[in-house]
PDB file of all heavy atoms in Angstrom:
ATOM      1  N   LEU A   1      -5.748 -21.788  25.051  1.00  0.00           N
ATOM      2  CA  LEU A   1      -4.505 -21.867  25.815  1.00  0.00           C
ATOM      3  C   LEU A   1      -4.172 -23.318  26.166  1.00  0.00           C
ATOM      4  O   LEU A   1      -3.004 -23.721  26.137  1.00  0.00           O
ATOM      5  CB  LEU A   1      -4.621 -21.035  27.091  1.00  0.00           C
ATOM      6  CG  LEU A   1      -4.784 -19.522  26.894  1.00  0.00           C
ATOM      7  CD1 LEU A   1      -4.973 -18.836  28.242  1.00  0.00           C
ATOM      8  CD2 LEU A   1      -3.599 -18.929  26.153  1.00  0.00           C
ATOM      9  N   ALA A   2      -5.200 -24.102  26.484  1.00  0.00           N
ATOM     10  CA  ALA A   2      -4.973 -25.515  26.799  1.00  0.00           C
ATOM     11  C   ALA A   2      -4.429 -26.259  25.594  1.00  0.00           C
ATOM     12  O   ALA A   2      -3.544 -27.115  25.711  1.00  0.00           O
ATOM     13  CB  ALA A   2      -6.275 -26.148  27.281  1.00  0.00           C
ATOM     14  N   GLU A   3      -4.941 -25.918  24.407  1.00  0.00           N
ATOM     15  CA  GLU A   3      -4.459 -26.567  23.186  1.00  0.00           C
ATOM     16  C   GLU A   3      -2.985 -26.238  22.942  1.00  0.00           C
ATOM     17  O   GLU A   3      -2.202 -27.101  22.537  1.00  0.00           O
ATOM     18  CB  GLU A   3      -5.307 -26.118  21.991  1.00  0.00           C
ATOM     19  CG  GLU A   3      -4.943 -26.824  20.687  1.00  0.00           C
ATOM     20  CD  GLU A   3      -5.860 -26.432  19.552  1.00  0.00           C
ATOM     21  OE1 GLU A   3      -6.844 -25.704  19.790  1.00  0.00           O
ATOM     22  OE2 GLU A   3      -5.587 -26.856  18.407  1.00  0.00           O
ATOM     23  N   VAL A   4      -2.603 -24.997  23.191  1.00  0.00           N
ATOM     24  CA  VAL A   4      -1.203 -24.594  23.032  1.00  0.00           C
ATOM     25  C   VAL A   4      -0.301 -25.403  23.965  1.00  0.00           C
ATOM     26  O   VAL A   4       0.801 -25.820  23.590  1.00  0.00           O
ATOM     27  CB  VAL A   4      -1.041 -23.085  23.311  1.00  0.00           C
ATOM     28  CG1 VAL A   4       0.427 -22.695  23.397  1.00  0.00           C
ATOM     29  CG2 VAL A   4      -1.728 -22.262  22.216  1.00  0.00           C
ATOM     30  N   ALA A   5      -0.782 -25.633  25.190  1.00  0.00           N
ATOM     31  CA  ALA A   5       0.015 -26.370  26.181  1.00  0.00           C
ATOM     32  C   ALA A   5      -0.046 -27.871  25.984  1.00  0.00           C
ATOM     33  O   ALA A   5       0.756 -28.614  26.548  1.00  0.00           O
ATOM     34  CB  ALA A   5      -0.465 -26.020  27.583  1.00  0.00           C
ATOM     35  N   GLY A   6      -1.020 -28.335  25.174  1.00  0.00           N
ATOM     36  CA  GLY A   6      -1.191 -29.770  24.990  1.00  0.00           C
ATOM     37  C   GLY A   6      -1.811 -30.431  26.203  1.00  0.00           C
ATOM     38  O   GLY A   6      -1.536 -31.602  26.511  1.00  0.00           O
ATOM     39  N   LEU A   7      -2.688 -29.683  26.904  1.00  0.00           N
ATOM     40  CA  LEU A   7      -3.327 -30.185  28.115  1.00  0.00           C
ATOM     41  C   LEU A   7      -4.832 -29.978  28.030  1.00  0.00           C
ATOM     42  O   LEU A   7      -5.328 -29.273  27.155  1.00  0.00           O
ATOM     43  CB  LEU A   7      -2.792 -29.431  29.348  1.00  0.00           C
ATOM     44  CG  LEU A   7      -1.306 -29.548  29.671  1.00  0.00           C
ATOM     45  CD1 LEU A   7      -0.948 -28.552  30.762  1.00  0.00           C
ATOM     46  CD2 LEU A   7      -0.962 -30.965  30.114  1.00  0.00           C
ATOM     47  N   SER A   8      -5.551 -30.581  28.964  1.00  0.00           N
ATOM     48  CA  SER A   8      -6.972 -30.287  29.099  1.00  0.00           C
ATOM     49  C   SER A   8      -7.112 -28.926  29.786  1.00  0.00           C
ATOM     50  O   SER A   8      -6.181 -28.431  30.425  1.00  0.00           O
ATOM     51  CB  SER A   8      -7.655 -31.362  29.940  1.00  0.00           C
ATOM     52  OG  SER A   8      -7.134 -31.346  31.261  1.00  0.00           O
ATOM     53  N   ALA A   9      -8.302 -28.339  29.670  1.00  0.00           N
ATOM     54  CA  ALA A   9      -8.521 -27.013  30.249  1.00  0.00           C
ATOM     55  C   ALA A   9      -8.359 -27.025  31.765  1.00  0.00           C
ATOM     56  O   ALA A   9      -7.726 -26.135  32.342  1.00  0.00           O
ATOM     57  CB  ALA A   9      -9.914 -26.512  29.872  1.00  0.00           C
ATOM     58  N   SER A  10      -8.915 -28.034  32.435  1.00  0.00           N
ATOM     59  CA  SER A  10      -8.816 -28.053  33.899  1.00  0.00           C
ATOM     60  C   SER A  10      -7.391 -28.316  34.363  1.00  0.00           C
ATOM     61  O   SER A  10      -6.943 -27.754  35.366  1.00  0.00           O
ATOM     62  CB  SER A  10      -9.768 -29.097  34.486  1.00  0.00           C
ATOM     63  OG  SER A  10      -9.410 -30.398  34.085  1.00  0.00           O
ATOM     64  N   HIS A  11      -6.640 -29.152  33.627  1.00  0.00           N
ATOM     65  CA  HIS A  11      -5.240 -29.389  33.982  1.00  0.00           C
ATOM     66  C   HIS A  11      -4.411 -28.128  33.774  1.00  0.00           C
ATOM     67  O   HIS A  11      -3.518 -27.822  34.577  1.00  0.00           O
ATOM     68  CB  HIS A  11      -4.665 -30.534  33.153  1.00  0.00           C
ATOM     69  CG  HIS A  11      -5.077 -31.882  33.648  1.00  0.00           C
ATOM     70  ND1 HIS A  11      -4.719 -33.057  33.034  1.00  0.00           N
ATOM     71  CD2 HIS A  11      -5.823 -32.252  34.709  1.00  0.00           C
ATOM     72  CE1 HIS A  11      -5.225 -34.078  33.701  1.00  0.00           C
ATOM     73  NE2 HIS A  11      -5.909 -33.613  34.712  1.00  0.00           N
ATOM     74  N   LEU A  12      -4.704 -27.392  32.707  1.00  0.00           N
ATOM     75  CA  LEU A  12      -3.971 -26.149  32.476  1.00  0.00           C
ATOM     76  C   LEU A  12      -4.198 -25.176  33.634  1.00  0.00           C
ATOM     77  O   LEU A  12      -3.247 -24.566  34.135  1.00  0.00           O
ATOM     78  CB  LEU A  12      -4.398 -25.497  31.167  1.00  0.00           C
ATOM     79  CG  LEU A  12      -3.800 -24.099  30.931  1.00  0.00           C
ATOM     80  CD1 LEU A  12      -2.294 -24.179  30.751  1.00  0.00           C
ATOM     81  CD2 LEU A  12      -4.448 -23.417  29.740  1.00  0.00           C
ATOM     82  N   LYS A  13      -5.447 -25.031  34.068  1.00  0.00           N
ATOM     83  CA  LYS A  13      -5.741 -24.118  35.169  1.00  0.00           C
ATOM     84  C   LYS A  13      -4.918 -24.462  36.409  1.00  0.00           C
ATOM     85  O   LYS A  13      -4.301 -23.598  37.021  1.00  0.00           O
ATOM     86  CB  LYS A  13      -7.236 -24.180  35.514  1.00  0.00           C
ATOM     87  CG  LYS A  13      -8.149 -23.464  34.552  1.00  0.00           C
ATOM     88  CD  LYS A  13      -9.581 -23.552  35.011  1.00  0.00           C
ATOM     89  CE  LYS A  13      -9.789 -22.888  36.350  1.00  0.00           C
ATOM     90  NZ  LYS A  13     -11.192 -22.950  36.818  1.00  0.00           N
ATOM     91  N   THR A  14      -4.920 -25.743  36.751  1.00  0.00           N
ATOM     92  CA  THR A  14      -4.205 -26.182  37.957  1.00  0.00           C
ATOM     93  C   THR A  14      -2.702 -26.002  37.814  1.00  0.00           C
ATOM     94  O   THR A  14      -2.021 -25.467  38.699  1.00  0.00           O
ATOM     95  CB  THR A  14      -4.523 -27.653  38.256  1.00  0.00           C
ATOM     96  OG1 THR A  14      -5.934 -27.803  38.438  1.00  0.00           O
ATOM     97  CG2 THR A  14      -3.805 -28.138  39.498  1.00  0.00           C
ATOM     98  N   GLN A  15      -2.158 -26.448  36.682  1.00  0.00           N
ATOM     99  CA  GLN A  15      -0.716 -26.451  36.498  1.00  0.00           C
ATOM    100  C   GLN A  15      -0.167 -25.057  36.248  1.00  0.00           C
ATOM    101  O   GLN A  15       0.961 -24.741  36.653  1.00  0.00           O
ATOM    102  CB  GLN A  15      -0.347 -27.414  35.376  1.00  0.00           C
ATOM    103  CG  GLN A  15      -0.704 -28.854  35.713  1.00  0.00           C
ATOM    104  CD  GLN A  15      -0.361 -29.833  34.597  1.00  0.00           C
ATOM    105  OE1 GLN A  15       0.503 -29.551  33.763  1.00  0.00           O
ATOM    106  NE2 GLN A  15      -1.024 -30.970  34.587  1.00  0.00           N
ATOM    107  N   PHE A  16      -0.956 -24.199  35.591  1.00  0.00           N
ATOM    108  CA  PHE A  16      -0.512 -22.819  35.367  1.00  0.00           C
ATOM    109  C   PHE A  16      -0.376 -22.100  36.702  1.00  0.00           C
ATOM    110  O   PHE A  16       0.625 -21.412  36.950  1.00  0.00           O
ATOM    111  CB  PHE A  16      -1.505 -22.090  34.461  1.00  0.00           C
ATOM    112  CG  PHE A  16      -1.047 -20.719  34.038  1.00  0.00           C
ATOM    113  CD1 PHE A  16      -0.320 -20.549  32.865  1.00  0.00           C
ATOM    114  CD2 PHE A  16      -1.325 -19.603  34.803  1.00  0.00           C
ATOM    115  CE1 PHE A  16       0.124 -19.289  32.472  1.00  0.00           C
ATOM    116  CE2 PHE A  16      -0.901 -18.338  34.428  1.00  0.00           C
ATOM    117  CZ  PHE A  16      -0.173 -18.188  33.254  1.00  0.00           C
ATOM    118  N   LYS A  17      -1.353 -22.261  37.576  1.00  0.00           N
ATOM    119  CA  LYS A  17      -1.277 -21.597  38.879  1.00  0.00           C
ATOM    120  C   LYS A  17      -0.132 -22.164  39.704  1.00  0.00           C
ATOM    121  O   LYS A  17       0.546 -21.435  40.439  1.00  0.00           O
ATOM    122  CB  LYS A  17      -2.599 -21.753  39.627  1.00  0.00           C
ATOM    123  CG  LYS A  17      -2.637 -20.927  40.911  1.00  0.00           C
ATOM    124  CD  LYS A  17      -4.029 -20.848  41.493  1.00  0.00           C
ATOM    125  CE  LYS A  17      -4.055 -19.915  42.701  1.00  0.00           C
ATOM    126  NZ  LYS A  17      -5.424 -19.775  43.259  1.00  0.00           N
ATOM    127  N   ARG A  18       0.103 -23.459  39.586  1.00  0.00           N
ATOM    128  CA  ARG A  18       1.207 -24.077  40.322  1.00  0.00           C
ATOM    129  C   ARG A  18       2.548 -23.504  39.861  1.00  0.00           C
ATOM    130  O   ARG A  18       3.470 -23.321  40.656  1.00  0.00           O
ATOM    131  CB  ARG A  18       1.170 -25.590  40.094  1.00  0.00           C
ATOM    132  CG  ARG A  18       2.113 -26.397  40.976  1.00  0.00           C
ATOM    133  CD  ARG A  18       1.972 -27.875  40.636  1.00  0.00           C
ATOM    134  NE  ARG A  18       2.830 -28.694  41.457  1.00  0.00           N
ATOM    135  CZ  ARG A  18       2.491 -29.234  42.615  1.00  0.00           C
ATOM    136  NH1 ARG A  18       1.277 -29.040  43.106  1.00  0.00           N
ATOM    137  NH2 ARG A  18       3.337 -29.977  43.297  1.00  0.00           N
ATOM    138  N   SER A  19       2.649 -23.197  38.558  1.00  0.00           N
ATOM    139  CA  SER A  19       3.909 -22.693  37.999  1.00  0.00           C
ATOM    140  C   SER A  19       4.114 -21.202  38.222  1.00  0.00           C
ATOM    141  O   SER A  19       5.239 -20.747  38.388  1.00  0.00           O
ATOM    142  CB  SER A  19       3.964 -22.988  36.491  1.00  0.00           C
ATOM    143  OG  SER A  19       3.991 -24.377  36.247  1.00  0.00           O
ATOM    144  N   THR A  20       3.027 -20.421  38.184  1.00  0.00           N
ATOM    145  CA  THR A  20       3.151 -18.960  38.218  1.00  0.00           C
ATOM    146  C   THR A  20       2.663 -18.332  39.524  1.00  0.00           C
ATOM    147  O   THR A  20       2.972 -17.169  39.793  1.00  0.00           O
ATOM    148  CB  THR A  20       2.363 -18.319  37.062  1.00  0.00           C
ATOM    149  OG1 THR A  20       0.956 -18.558  37.266  1.00  0.00           O
ATOM    150  CG2 THR A  20       2.785 -18.898  35.721  1.00  0.00           C
ATOM    151  N   GLY A  21       1.874 -19.074  40.295  1.00  0.00           N
ATOM    152  CA  GLY A  21       1.285 -18.497  41.497  1.00  0.00           C
ATOM    153  C   GLY A  21       0.049 -17.674  41.212  1.00  0.00           C
ATOM    154  O   GLY A  21      -0.538 -17.081  42.121  1.00  0.00           O
ATOM    155  N   GLN A  22      -0.393 -17.624  39.943  1.00  0.00           N
ATOM    156  CA  GLN A  22      -1.571 -16.865  39.557  1.00  0.00           C
ATOM    157  C   GLN A  22      -2.515 -17.743  38.743  1.00  0.00           C
ATOM    158  O   GLN A  22      -2.069 -18.601  37.971  1.00  0.00           O
ATOM    159  CB  GLN A  22      -1.202 -15.655  38.701  1.00  0.00           C
ATOM    160  CG  GLN A  22      -0.542 -14.514  39.443  1.00  0.00           C
ATOM    161  CD  GLN A  22      -0.312 -13.339  38.509  1.00  0.00           C
ATOM    162  OE1 GLN A  22       0.416 -13.447  37.529  1.00  0.00           O
ATOM    163  NE2 GLN A  22      -0.922 -12.208  38.805  1.00  0.00           N
ATOM    164  N   ALA A  23      -3.811 -17.492  38.897  1.00  0.00           N
ATOM    165  CA  ALA A  23      -4.779 -18.121  38.004  1.00  0.00           C
ATOM    166  C   ALA A  23      -4.587 -17.555  36.593  1.00  0.00           C
ATOM    167  O   ALA A  23      -4.080 -16.444  36.423  1.00  0.00           O
ATOM    168  CB  ALA A  23      -6.198 -17.846  38.492  1.00  0.00           C
ATOM    169  N   VAL A  24      -4.988 -18.323  35.584  1.00  0.00           N
ATOM    170  CA  VAL A  24      -4.793 -17.893  34.191  1.00  0.00           C
ATOM    171  C   VAL A  24      -5.434 -16.527  33.952  1.00  0.00           C
ATOM    172  O   VAL A  24      -4.804 -15.622  33.388  1.00  0.00           O
ATOM    173  CB  VAL A  24      -5.374 -18.930  33.211  1.00  0.00           C
ATOM    174  CG1 VAL A  24      -5.175 -18.467  31.771  1.00  0.00           C
ATOM    175  CG2 VAL A  24      -4.740 -20.298  33.415  1.00  0.00           C
ATOM    176  N   HIS A  25      -6.676 -16.365  34.387  1.00  0.00           N
ATOM    177  CA  HIS A  25      -7.370 -15.101  34.127  1.00  0.00           C
ATOM    178  C   HIS A  25      -6.676 -13.943  34.815  1.00  0.00           C
ATOM    179  O   HIS A  25      -6.526 -12.856  34.245  1.00  0.00           O
ATOM    180  CB  HIS A  25      -8.829 -15.196  34.586  1.00  0.00           C
ATOM    181  CG  HIS A  25      -9.590 -13.932  34.393  1.00  0.00           C
ATOM    182  ND1 HIS A  25      -9.914 -13.087  35.433  1.00  0.00           N
ATOM    183  CD2 HIS A  25     -10.066 -13.327  33.262  1.00  0.00           C
ATOM    184  CE1 HIS A  25     -10.560 -12.044  34.956  1.00  0.00           C
ATOM    185  NE2 HIS A  25     -10.665 -12.164  33.659  1.00  0.00           N
ATOM    186  N   ALA A  26      -6.229 -14.145  36.070  1.00  0.00           N
ATOM    187  CA  ALA A  26      -5.534 -13.081  36.796  1.00  0.00           C
ATOM    188  C   ALA A  26      -4.229 -12.714  36.097  1.00  0.00           C
ATOM    189  O   ALA A  26      -3.862 -11.530  36.005  1.00  0.00           O
ATOM    190  CB  ALA A  26      -5.254 -13.519  38.234  1.00  0.00           C
ATOM    191  N   TYR A  27      -3.512 -13.716  35.590  1.00  0.00           N
ATOM    192  CA  TYR A  27      -2.259 -13.447  34.866  1.00  0.00           C
ATOM    193  C   TYR A  27      -2.524 -12.594  33.632  1.00  0.00           C
ATOM    194  O   TYR A  27      -1.807 -11.624  33.366  1.00  0.00           O
ATOM    195  CB  TYR A  27      -1.604 -14.772  34.460  1.00  0.00           C
ATOM    196  CG  TYR A  27      -0.342 -14.607  33.637  1.00  0.00           C
ATOM    197  CD1 TYR A  27       0.897 -14.443  34.252  1.00  0.00           C
ATOM    198  CD2 TYR A  27      -0.403 -14.602  32.245  1.00  0.00           C
ATOM    199  CE1 TYR A  27       2.054 -14.282  33.492  1.00  0.00           C
ATOM    200  CE2 TYR A  27       0.745 -14.433  31.476  1.00  0.00           C
ATOM    201  CZ  TYR A  27       1.966 -14.282  32.102  1.00  0.00           C
ATOM    202  OH  TYR A  27       3.107 -14.112  31.356  1.00  0.00           O
ATOM    203  N   VAL A  28      -3.567 -12.950  32.887  1.00  0.00           N
ATOM    204  CA  VAL A  28      -3.896 -12.202  31.666  1.00  0.00           C
ATOM    205  C   VAL A  28      -4.272 -10.763  32.014  1.00  0.00           C
ATOM    206  O   VAL A  28      -3.849  -9.820  31.329  1.00  0.00           O
ATOM    207  CB  VAL A  28      -5.033 -12.904  30.894  1.00  0.00           C
ATOM    208  CG1 VAL A  28      -5.553 -12.018  29.764  1.00  0.00           C
ATOM    209  CG2 VAL A  28      -4.552 -14.236  30.328  1.00  0.00           C
ATOM    210  N   VAL A  29      -5.056 -10.576  33.067  1.00  0.00           N
ATOM    211  CA  VAL A  29      -5.433  -9.214  33.473  1.00  0.00           C
ATOM    212  C   VAL A  29      -4.192  -8.393  33.806  1.00  0.00           C
ATOM    213  O   VAL A  29      -4.051  -7.238  33.391  1.00  0.00           O
ATOM    214  CB  VAL A  29      -6.400  -9.253  34.671  1.00  0.00           C
ATOM    215  CG1 VAL A  29      -6.573  -7.846  35.269  1.00  0.00           C
ATOM    216  CG2 VAL A  29      -7.759  -9.796  34.246  1.00  0.00           C
ATOM    217  N   HIS A  30      -3.256  -8.984  34.537  1.00  0.00           N
ATOM    218  CA  HIS A  30      -2.025  -8.265  34.885  1.00  0.00           C
ATOM    219  C   HIS A  30      -1.211  -7.917  33.642  1.00  0.00           C
ATOM    220  O   HIS A  30      -0.648  -6.816  33.545  1.00  0.00           O
ATOM    221  CB  HIS A  30      -1.180  -9.100  35.852  1.00  0.00           C
ATOM    222  CG  HIS A  30      -1.595  -8.988  37.278  1.00  0.00           C
ATOM    223  ND1 HIS A  30      -2.742  -9.580  37.770  1.00  0.00           N
ATOM    224  CD2 HIS A  30      -1.038  -8.330  38.330  1.00  0.00           C
ATOM    225  CE1 HIS A  30      -2.853  -9.304  39.060  1.00  0.00           C
ATOM    226  NE2 HIS A  30      -1.840  -8.544  39.420  1.00  0.00           N
ATOM    227  N   ARG A  31      -1.128  -8.823  32.687  1.00  0.00           N
ATOM    228  CA  ARG A  31      -0.383  -8.543  31.471  1.00  0.00           C
ATOM    229  C   ARG A  31      -1.074  -7.434  30.665  1.00  0.00           C
ATOM    230  O   ARG A  31      -0.419  -6.584  30.061  1.00  0.00           O
ATOM    231  CB  ARG A  31      -0.251  -9.811  30.604  1.00  0.00           C
ATOM    232  CG  ARG A  31       0.596 -10.902  31.219  1.00  0.00           C
ATOM    233  CD  ARG A  31       2.008 -10.410  31.564  1.00  0.00           C
ATOM    234  NE  ARG A  31       2.643  -9.804  30.401  1.00  0.00           N
ATOM    235  CZ  ARG A  31       3.317  -8.659  30.438  1.00  0.00           C
ATOM    236  NH1 ARG A  31       3.434  -7.982  31.586  1.00  0.00           N
ATOM    237  NH2 ARG A  31       3.873  -8.193  29.337  1.00  0.00           N
ATOM    238  N   ARG A  32      -2.400  -7.427  30.644  1.00  0.00           N
ATOM    239  CA  ARG A  32      -3.126  -6.375  29.932  1.00  0.00           C
ATOM    240  C   ARG A  32      -2.925  -5.025  30.616  1.00  0.00           C
ATOM    241  O   ARG A  32      -2.784  -3.993  29.950  1.00  0.00           O
ATOM    242  CB  ARG A  32      -4.611  -6.739  29.841  1.00  0.00           C
ATOM    243  CG  ARG A  32      -4.881  -7.820  28.795  1.00  0.00           C
ATOM    244  CD  ARG A  32      -6.317  -8.291  28.772  1.00  0.00           C
ATOM    245  NE  ARG A  32      -6.539  -9.125  27.580  1.00  0.00           N
ATOM    246  CZ  ARG A  32      -7.549  -9.960  27.427  1.00  0.00           C
ATOM    247  NH1 ARG A  32      -8.451 -10.098  28.388  1.00  0.00           N
ATOM    248  NH2 ARG A  32      -7.662 -10.674  26.316  1.00  0.00           N
ATOM    249  N   VAL A  33      -2.911  -5.023  31.935  1.00  0.00           N
ATOM    250  CA  VAL A  33      -2.650  -3.782  32.660  1.00  0.00           C
ATOM    251  C   VAL A  33      -1.238  -3.281  32.361  1.00  0.00           C
ATOM    252  O   VAL A  33      -1.020  -2.080  32.137  1.00  0.00           O
ATOM    253  CB  VAL A  33      -2.846  -3.990  34.181  1.00  0.00           C
ATOM    254  CG1 VAL A  33      -2.268  -2.814  34.966  1.00  0.00           C
ATOM    255  CG2 VAL A  33      -4.327  -4.156  34.506  1.00  0.00           C
ATOM    256  N   ASP A  34      -0.272  -4.181  32.319  1.00  0.00           N
ATOM    257  CA  ASP A  34       1.105  -3.792  31.998  1.00  0.00           C
ATOM    258  C   ASP A  34       1.195  -3.180  30.605  1.00  0.00           C
ATOM    259  O   ASP A  34       1.890  -2.186  30.393  1.00  0.00           O
ATOM    260  CB  ASP A  34       2.036  -5.003  32.093  1.00  0.00           C
ATOM    261  CG  ASP A  34       2.332  -5.407  33.530  1.00  0.00           C
ATOM    262  OD1 ASP A  34       2.056  -4.608  34.439  1.00  0.00           O
ATOM    263  OD2 ASP A  34       2.823  -6.527  33.741  1.00  0.00           O
ATOM    264  N   ARG A  35       0.512  -3.809  29.646  1.00  0.00           N
ATOM    265  CA  ARG A  35       0.547  -3.254  28.284  1.00  0.00           C
ATOM    266  C   ARG A  35      -0.128  -1.891  28.238  1.00  0.00           C
ATOM    267  O   ARG A  35       0.376  -0.955  27.599  1.00  0.00           O
ATOM    268  CB  ARG A  35      -0.137  -4.205  27.294  1.00  0.00           C
ATOM    269  CG  ARG A  35      -0.181  -3.631  25.878  1.00  0.00           C
ATOM    270  CD  ARG A  35      -0.749  -4.587  24.853  1.00  0.00           C
ATOM    271  NE  ARG A  35       0.166  -5.704  24.604  1.00  0.00           N
ATOM    272  CZ  ARG A  35      -0.049  -6.627  23.675  1.00  0.00           C
ATOM    273  NH1 ARG A  35      -1.136  -6.572  22.918  1.00  0.00           N
ATOM    274  NH2 ARG A  35       0.806  -7.610  23.489  1.00  0.00           N
ATOM    275  N   ALA A  36      -1.271  -1.756  28.905  1.00  0.00           N
ATOM    276  CA  ALA A  36      -1.975  -0.472  28.913  1.00  0.00           C
ATOM    277  C   ALA A  36      -1.105   0.606  29.550  1.00  0.00           C
ATOM    278  O   ALA A  36      -1.031   1.741  29.056  1.00  0.00           O
ATOM    279  CB  ALA A  36      -3.299  -0.614  29.663  1.00  0.00           C
ATOM    280  N   ARG A  37      -0.443   0.275  30.637  1.00  0.00           N
ATOM    281  CA  ARG A  37       0.438   1.240  31.313  1.00  0.00           C
ATOM    282  C   ARG A  37       1.549   1.696  30.375  1.00  0.00           C
ATOM    283  O   ARG A  37       1.856   2.900  30.288  1.00  0.00           O
ATOM    284  CB  ARG A  37       1.034   0.607  32.564  1.00  0.00           C
ATOM    285  CG  ARG A  37       1.979   1.508  33.348  1.00  0.00           C
ATOM    286  CD  ARG A  37       2.449   0.809  34.613  1.00  0.00           C
ATOM    287  NE  ARG A  37       3.365   1.651  35.374  1.00  0.00           N
ATOM    288  CZ  ARG A  37       4.674   1.707  35.148  1.00  0.00           C
ATOM    289  NH1 ARG A  37       5.223   0.963  34.187  1.00  0.00           N
ATOM    290  NH2 ARG A  37       5.440   2.503  35.865  1.00  0.00           N
ATOM    291  N   SER A  38       2.145   0.758  29.649  1.00  0.00           N
ATOM    292  CA  SER A  38       3.221   1.107  28.720  1.00  0.00           C
ATOM    293  C   SER A  38       2.719   2.025  27.613  1.00  0.00           C
ATOM    294  O   SER A  38       3.387   3.003  27.253  1.00  0.00           O
ATOM    295  CB  SER A  38       3.812  -0.177  28.119  1.00  0.00           C
ATOM    296  OG  SER A  38       4.819   0.125  27.180  1.00  0.00           O
ATOM    297  N   LEU A  39       1.534   1.737  27.076  1.00  0.00           N
ATOM    298  CA  LEU A  39       0.987   2.567  25.998  1.00  0.00           C
ATOM    299  C   LEU A  39       0.620   3.960  26.514  1.00  0.00           C
ATOM    300  O   LEU A  39       0.818   4.967  25.818  1.00  0.00           O
ATOM    301  CB  LEU A  39      -0.248   1.890  25.397  1.00  0.00           C
ATOM    302  CG  LEU A  39       0.020   0.633  24.562  1.00  0.00           C
ATOM    303  CD1 LEU A  39      -1.291  -0.046  24.174  1.00  0.00           C
ATOM    304  CD2 LEU A  39       0.822   0.982  23.305  1.00  0.00           C
ATOM    305  N   LEU A  40       0.086   4.035  27.721  1.00  0.00           N
ATOM    306  CA  LEU A  40      -0.263   5.339  28.287  1.00  0.00           C
ATOM    307  C   LEU A  40       0.978   6.191  28.530  1.00  0.00           C
ATOM    308  O   LEU A  40       0.968   7.408  28.342  1.00  0.00           O
ATOM    309  CB  LEU A  40      -1.026   5.145  29.603  1.00  0.00           C
ATOM    310  CG  LEU A  40      -2.456   4.628  29.478  1.00  0.00           C
ATOM    311  CD1 LEU A  40      -2.994   4.211  30.845  1.00  0.00           C
ATOM    312  CD2 LEU A  40      -3.379   5.673  28.851  1.00  0.00           C
TER     313      LEU A  40
END
């Protein structure tokens, strides 16, 4: 994910949370839950 953003891993963590209000891992979990809910 850091490579996609063109950032270091630690900078991505900080800046992603600043932009979304969620940590990267928490965001991914929520998106996976949303997809699972849709499929169910």
